[in-house]
């Protein structure tokens, strides 16, 4: 997860997709399935940096289905 900036607290779907190396559609699907937690601010869907880091750990452990 070296792509994540330490100073940044939240990421949009496009930024999260870039950091994870997947498409924004995949990120959206994970959010819809409840595998990746996100929240809304107005029309924007945001994901906390800590949530992304935990998500990667879960994926590495094989606990997230893609």
PDB file of N, CA and C in Angstrom:
ATOM      1  N   UNK A   1       0.830  -1.193   0.000  1.00  0.00           N
ATOM      2  CA  UNK A   1       0.000   0.000   0.000  1.00  0.00           C
ATOM      3  C   UNK A   1       0.868   1.249   0.000  1.00  0.00           C
ATOM      4  N   UNK A   2       2.025   1.169  -0.603  1.00  0.00           N
ATOM      5  CA  UNK A   2       2.902   2.329  -0.651  1.00  0.00           C
ATOM      6  C   UNK A   2       2.313   3.467  -1.459  1.00  0.00           C
ATOM      7  N   UNK A   3       1.232   3.227  -2.181  1.00  0.00           N
ATOM      8  CA  UNK A   3       0.600   4.279  -2.973  1.00  0.00           C
ATOM      9  C   UNK A   3      -0.217   5.246  -2.118  1.00  0.00           C
ATOM     10  N   UNK A   4      -0.599   4.852  -0.920  1.00  0.00           N
ATOM     11  CA  UNK A   4      -1.423   5.707  -0.069  1.00  0.00           C
ATOM     12  C   UNK A   4      -0.580   6.788   0.579  1.00  0.00           C
ATOM     13  N   UNK A   5      -1.079   8.006   0.533  1.00  0.00           N
ATOM     14  CA  UNK A   5      -0.397   9.130   1.165  1.00  0.00           C
ATOM     15  C   UNK A   5      -0.733   9.146   2.650  1.00  0.00           C
ATOM     16  N   UNK A   6       0.286   9.269   3.485  1.00  0.00           N
ATOM     17  CA  UNK A   6       0.068   9.276   4.933  1.00  0.00           C
ATOM     18  C   UNK A   6      -0.766  10.466   5.392  1.00  0.00           C
ATOM     19  N   UNK A   7      -0.629  11.613   4.746  1.00  0.00           N
ATOM     20  CA  UNK A   7      -1.337  12.815   5.178  1.00  0.00           C
ATOM     21  C   UNK A   7      -2.814  12.785   4.799  1.00  0.00           C
ATOM     22  N   UNK A   8      -3.174  11.946   3.860  1.00  0.00           N
ATOM     23  CA  UNK A   8      -4.542  11.909   3.367  1.00  0.00           C
ATOM     24  C   UNK A   8      -5.396  11.007   4.259  1.00  0.00           C
ATOM     25  N   UNK A   9      -6.536  11.505   4.697  1.00  0.00           N
ATOM     26  CA  UNK A   9      -7.399  10.739   5.597  1.00  0.00           C
ATOM     27  C   UNK A   9      -8.446   9.917   4.863  1.00  0.00           C
ATOM     28  N   UNK A  10      -8.940  10.436   3.734  1.00  0.00           N
ATOM     29  CA  UNK A  10      -9.979   9.742   2.976  1.00  0.00           C
ATOM     30  C   UNK A  10      -9.640   9.754   1.490  1.00  0.00           C
ATOM     31  N   UNK A  11     -10.210   8.784   0.788  1.00  0.00           N
ATOM     32  CA  UNK A  11      -9.986   8.635  -0.647  1.00  0.00           C
ATOM     33  C   UNK A  11     -11.321   8.487  -1.350  1.00  0.00           C
ATOM     34  N   UNK A  12     -11.416   9.062  -2.544  1.00  0.00           N
ATOM     35  CA  UNK A  12     -12.565   8.836  -3.400  1.00  0.00           C
ATOM     36  C   UNK A  12     -12.439   7.460  -4.034  1.00  0.00           C
ATOM     37  N   UNK A  13     -13.466   7.032  -4.740  1.00  0.00           N
ATOM     38  CA  UNK A  13     -13.437   5.702  -5.346  1.00  0.00           C
ATOM     39  C   UNK A  13     -12.327   5.570  -6.383  1.00  0.00           C
ATOM     40  N   UNK A  14     -12.120   6.585  -7.198  1.00  0.00           N
ATOM     41  CA  UNK A  14     -11.058   6.530  -8.214  1.00  0.00           C
ATOM     42  C   UNK A  14      -9.686   6.418  -7.563  1.00  0.00           C
ATOM     43  N   UNK A  15      -9.463   7.203  -6.522  1.00  0.00           N
ATOM     44  CA  UNK A  15      -8.178   7.162  -5.818  1.00  0.00           C
ATOM     45  C   UNK A  15      -7.960   5.810  -5.150  1.00  0.00           C
ATOM     46  N   UNK A  16      -9.006   5.283  -4.546  1.00  0.00           N
ATOM     47  CA  UNK A  16      -8.908   3.979  -3.891  1.00  0.00           C
ATOM     48  C   UNK A  16      -8.621   2.893  -4.923  1.00  0.00           C
ATOM     49  N   UNK A  17      -9.286   2.977  -6.068  1.00  0.00           N
ATOM     50  CA  UNK A  17      -9.056   2.003  -7.136  1.00  0.00           C
ATOM     51  C   UNK A  17      -7.604   2.050  -7.594  1.00  0.00           C
ATOM     52  N   UNK A  18      -7.076   3.249  -7.787  1.00  0.00           N
ATOM     53  CA  UNK A  18      -5.677   3.407  -8.206  1.00  0.00           C
ATOM     54  C   UNK A  18      -4.739   2.813  -7.157  1.00  0.00           C
ATOM     55  N   UNK A  19      -4.999   3.114  -5.890  1.00  0.00           N
ATOM     56  CA  UNK A  19      -4.142   2.625  -4.807  1.00  0.00           C
ATOM     57  C   UNK A  19      -4.179   1.100  -4.707  1.00  0.00           C
ATOM     58  N   UNK A  20      -5.342   0.513  -4.976  1.00  0.00           N
ATOM     59  CA  UNK A  20      -5.490  -0.939  -4.882  1.00  0.00           C
ATOM     60  C   UNK A  20      -5.117  -1.653  -6.175  1.00  0.00           C
ATOM     61  N   UNK A  21      -4.968  -0.900  -7.262  1.00  0.00           N
ATOM     62  CA  UNK A  21      -4.613  -1.500  -8.548  1.00  0.00           C
ATOM     63  C   UNK A  21      -5.766  -2.210  -9.221  1.00  0.00           C
ATOM     64  N   UNK A  22      -6.984  -1.708  -8.985  1.00  0.00           N
ATOM     65  CA  UNK A  22      -8.186  -2.292  -9.592  1.00  0.00           C
ATOM     66  C   UNK A  22      -9.011  -1.177 -10.225  1.00  0.00           C
ATOM     67  N   UNK A  23     -10.096  -1.538 -10.874  1.00  0.00           N
ATOM     68  CA  UNK A  23     -10.970  -0.536 -11.483  1.00  0.00           C
ATOM     69  C   UNK A  23     -11.896   0.078 -10.433  1.00  0.00           C
ATOM     70  N   UNK A  24     -12.414   1.253 -10.752  1.00  0.00           N
ATOM     71  CA  UNK A  24     -13.371   1.883  -9.840  1.00  0.00           C
ATOM     72  C   UNK A  24     -14.660   1.063  -9.766  1.00  0.00           C
ATOM     73  N   UNK A  25     -14.967   0.332 -10.829  1.00  0.00           N
ATOM     74  CA  UNK A  25     -16.134  -0.552 -10.816  1.00  0.00           C
ATOM     75  C   UNK A  25     -15.960  -1.645  -9.766  1.00  0.00           C
ATOM     76  N   UNK A  26     -14.750  -2.191  -9.663  1.00  0.00           N
ATOM     77  CA  UNK A  26     -14.485  -3.223  -8.657  1.00  0.00           C
ATOM     78  C   UNK A  26     -14.634  -2.652  -7.248  1.00  0.00           C
ATOM     79  N   UNK A  27     -14.124  -1.445  -7.037  1.00  0.00           N
ATOM     80  CA  UNK A  27     -14.260  -0.796  -5.728  1.00  0.00           C
ATOM     81  C   UNK A  27     -15.739  -0.596  -5.411  1.00  0.00           C
ATOM     82  N   UNK A  28     -16.507  -0.134  -6.379  1.00  0.00           N
ATOM     83  CA  UNK A  28     -17.943   0.068  -6.198  1.00  0.00           C
ATOM     84  C   UNK A  28     -18.627  -1.252  -5.835  1.00  0.00           C
ATOM     85  N   UNK A  29     -18.248  -2.329  -6.509  1.00  0.00           N
ATOM     86  CA  UNK A  29     -18.838  -3.641  -6.215  1.00  0.00           C
ATOM     87  C   UNK A  29     -18.520  -4.091  -4.797  1.00  0.00           C
ATOM     88  N   UNK A  30     -17.281  -3.904  -4.363  1.00  0.00           N
ATOM     89  CA  UNK A  30     -16.906  -4.268  -2.993  1.00  0.00           C
ATOM     90  C   UNK A  30     -17.714  -3.465  -1.977  1.00  0.00           C
ATOM     91  N   UNK A  31     -17.938  -2.183  -2.271  1.00  0.00           N
ATOM     92  CA  UNK A  31     -18.735  -1.340  -1.371  1.00  0.00           C
ATOM     93  C   UNK A  31     -20.171  -1.851  -1.321  1.00  0.00           C
ATOM     94  N   UNK A  32     -20.744  -2.148  -2.476  1.00  0.00           N
ATOM     95  CA  UNK A  32     -22.129  -2.644  -2.530  1.00  0.00           C
ATOM     96  C   UNK A  32     -22.299  -3.967  -1.796  1.00  0.00           C
ATOM     97  N   UNK A  33     -21.286  -4.847  -1.894  1.00  0.00           N
ATOM     98  CA  UNK A  33     -21.335  -6.144  -1.213  1.00  0.00           C
ATOM     99  C   UNK A  33     -21.091  -6.021   0.282  1.00  0.00           C
ATOM    100  N   UNK A  34     -20.587  -4.865   0.720  1.00  0.00           N
ATOM    101  CA  UNK A  34     -20.283  -4.673   2.129  1.00  0.00           C
ATOM    102  C   UNK A  34     -18.878  -5.114   2.509  1.00  0.00           C
ATOM    103  N   UNK A  35     -18.073  -5.495   1.528  1.00  0.00           N
ATOM    104  CA  UNK A  35     -16.701  -5.932   1.802  1.00  0.00           C
ATOM    105  C   UNK A  35     -15.790  -4.753   2.113  1.00  0.00           C
ATOM    106  N   UNK A  36     -16.111  -3.595   1.566  1.00  0.00           N
ATOM    107  CA  UNK A  36     -15.317  -2.384   1.764  1.00  0.00           C
ATOM    108  C   UNK A  36     -16.250  -1.300   2.292  1.00  0.00           C
ATOM    109  N   UNK A  37     -15.928  -0.767   3.453  1.00  0.00           N
ATOM    110  CA  UNK A  37     -16.784   0.241   4.080  1.00  0.00           C
ATOM    111  C   UNK A  37     -16.484   1.619   3.507  1.00  0.00           C
ATOM    112  N   UNK A  38     -17.542   2.341   3.192  1.00  0.00           N
ATOM    113  CA  UNK A  38     -17.416   3.689   2.651  1.00  0.00           C
ATOM    114  C   UNK A  38     -18.528   4.549   3.238  1.00  0.00           C
ATOM    115  N   UNK A  39     -18.408   5.850   3.029  1.00  0.00           N
ATOM    116  CA  UNK A  39     -19.455   6.764   3.483  1.00  0.00           C
ATOM    117  C   UNK A  39     -19.617   7.869   2.450  1.00  0.00           C
ATOM    118  N   UNK A  40     -20.736   8.540   2.522  1.00  0.00           N
ATOM    119  CA  UNK A  40     -21.056   9.601   1.571  1.00  0.00           C
ATOM    120  C   UNK A  40     -20.919  10.968   2.199  1.00  0.00           C
ATOM    121  N   UNK A  41     -20.390  11.884   1.402  1.00  0.00           N
ATOM    122  CA  UNK A  41     -20.412  13.309   1.726  1.00  0.00           C
ATOM    123  C   UNK A  41     -20.990  13.967   0.483  1.00  0.00           C
ATOM    124  N   UNK A  42     -22.241  14.354   0.585  1.00  0.00           N
ATOM    125  CA  UNK A  42     -22.925  14.846  -0.608  1.00  0.00           C
ATOM    126  C   UNK A  42     -23.048  13.713  -1.613  1.00  0.00           C
ATOM    127  N   UNK A  43     -22.534  13.945  -2.814  1.00  0.00           N
ATOM    128  CA  UNK A  43     -22.589  12.919  -3.857  1.00  0.00           C
ATOM    129  C   UNK A  43     -21.335  12.057  -3.895  1.00  0.00           C
ATOM    130  N   UNK A  44     -20.320  12.448  -3.150  1.00  0.00           N
ATOM    131  CA  UNK A  44     -19.049  11.710  -3.172  1.00  0.00           C
ATOM    132  C   UNK A  44     -19.082  10.513  -2.233  1.00  0.00           C
ATOM    133  N   UNK A  45     -18.526   9.425  -2.693  1.00  0.00           N
ATOM    134  CA  UNK A  45     -18.350   8.232  -1.866  1.00  0.00           C
ATOM    135  C   UNK A  45     -16.897   8.225  -1.431  1.00  0.00           C
ATOM    136  N   UNK A  46     -16.669   8.199  -0.123  1.00  0.00           N
ATOM    137  CA  UNK A  46     -15.316   8.284   0.417  1.00  0.00           C
ATOM    138  C   UNK A  46     -14.986   7.052   1.259  1.00  0.00           C
ATOM    139  N   UNK A  47     -13.693   6.736   1.290  1.00  0.00           N
ATOM    140  CA  UNK A  47     -13.204   5.583   2.038  1.00  0.00           C
ATOM    141  C   UNK A  47     -12.039   6.052   2.896  1.00  0.00           C
ATOM    142  N   UNK A  48     -12.078   5.733   4.167  1.00  0.00           N
ATOM    143  CA  UNK A  48     -10.989   6.121   5.075  1.00  0.00           C
ATOM    144  C   UNK A  48      -9.715   5.334   4.760  1.00  0.00           C
ATOM    145  N   UNK A  49      -8.579   5.989   4.935  1.00  0.00           N
ATOM    146  CA  UNK A  49      -7.287   5.344   4.692  1.00  0.00           C
ATOM    147  C   UNK A  49      -7.141   4.081   5.535  1.00  0.00           C
ATOM    148  N   UNK A  50      -7.533   4.152   6.809  1.00  0.00           N
ATOM    149  CA  UNK A  50      -7.416   2.991   7.691  1.00  0.00           C
ATOM    150  C   UNK A  50      -8.245   1.817   7.179  1.00  0.00           C
ATOM    151  N   UNK A  51      -9.406   2.123   6.613  1.00  0.00           N
ATOM    152  CA  UNK A  51     -10.277   1.080   6.075  1.00  0.00           C
ATOM    153  C   UNK A  51      -9.599   0.408   4.883  1.00  0.00           C
ATOM    154  N   UNK A  52      -8.971   1.203   4.013  1.00  0.00           N
ATOM    155  CA  UNK A  52      -8.257   0.631   2.866  1.00  0.00           C
ATOM    156  C   UNK A  52      -7.106  -0.259   3.324  1.00  0.00           C
ATOM    157  N   UNK A  53      -6.369   0.207   4.315  1.00  0.00           N
ATOM    158  CA  UNK A  53      -5.244  -0.585   4.822  1.00  0.00           C
ATOM    159  C   UNK A  53      -5.723  -1.908   5.408  1.00  0.00           C
ATOM    160  N   UNK A  54      -6.803  -1.869   6.173  1.00  0.00           N
ATOM    161  CA  UNK A  54      -7.365  -3.091   6.754  1.00  0.00           C
ATOM    162  C   UNK A  54      -7.902  -4.007   5.654  1.00  0.00           C
ATOM    163  N   UNK A  55      -8.520  -3.430   4.636  1.00  0.00           N
ATOM    164  CA  UNK A  55      -9.051  -4.196   3.514  1.00  0.00           C
ATOM    165  C   UNK A  55      -7.930  -4.976   2.823  1.00  0.00           C
ATOM    166  N   UNK A  56      -6.794  -4.338   2.624  1.00  0.00           N
ATOM    167  CA  UNK A  56      -5.650  -5.008   1.996  1.00  0.00           C
ATOM    168  C   UNK A  56      -5.164  -6.159   2.874  1.00  0.00           C
ATOM    169  N   UNK A  57      -5.088  -5.933   4.172  1.00  0.00           N
ATOM    170  CA  UNK A  57      -4.675  -7.013   5.083  1.00  0.00           C
ATOM    171  C   UNK A  57      -5.646  -8.198   4.999  1.00  0.00           C
ATOM    172  N   UNK A  58      -6.937  -7.896   4.937  1.00  0.00           N
ATOM    173  CA  UNK A  58      -7.955  -8.945   4.821  1.00  0.00           C
ATOM    174  C   UNK A  58      -7.810  -9.699   3.498  1.00  0.00           C
ATOM    175  N   UNK A  59      -7.536  -8.974   2.418  1.00  0.00           N
ATOM    176  CA  UNK A  59      -7.342  -9.616   1.112  1.00  0.00           C
ATOM    177  C   UNK A  59      -6.124 -10.531   1.147  1.00  0.00           C
ATOM    178  N   UNK A  60      -5.045 -10.054   1.739  1.00  0.00           N
ATOM    179  CA  UNK A  60      -3.823 -10.854   1.832  1.00  0.00           C
ATOM    180  C   UNK A  60      -4.053 -12.129   2.637  1.00  0.00           C
ATOM    181  N   UNK A  61      -4.910 -12.037   3.631  1.00  0.00           N
ATOM    182  CA  UNK A  61      -5.219 -13.197   4.469  1.00  0.00           C
ATOM    183  C   UNK A  61      -6.255 -14.115   3.820  1.00  0.00           C
ATOM    184  N   UNK A  62      -6.800 -13.694   2.675  1.00  0.00           N
ATOM    185  CA  UNK A  62      -7.775 -14.514   1.968  1.00  0.00           C
ATOM    186  C   UNK A  62      -9.172 -14.438   2.522  1.00  0.00           C
ATOM    187  N   UNK A  63      -9.465 -13.391   3.287  1.00  0.00           N
ATOM    188  CA  UNK A  63     -10.789 -13.267   3.902  1.00  0.00           C
ATOM    189  C   UNK A  63     -11.736 -12.380   3.109  1.00  0.00           C
ATOM    190  N   UNK A  64     -11.292 -11.883   1.948  1.00  0.00           N
ATOM    191  CA  UNK A  64     -12.152 -11.062   1.096  1.00  0.00           C
ATOM    192  C   UNK A  64     -12.304 -11.772  -0.234  1.00  0.00           C
ATOM    193  N   UNK A  65     -13.544 -11.946  -0.666  1.00  0.00           N
ATOM    194  CA  UNK A  65     -13.772 -12.550  -1.976  1.00  0.00           C
ATOM    195  C   UNK A  65     -13.882 -11.447  -3.008  1.00  0.00           C
ATOM    196  N   UNK A  66     -13.233 -11.654  -4.129  1.00  0.00           N
ATOM    197  CA  UNK A  66     -13.250 -10.621  -5.171  1.00  0.00           C
ATOM    198  C   UNK A  66     -14.234 -10.945  -6.177  1.00  0.00           C
TER     199      UNK A  66
END
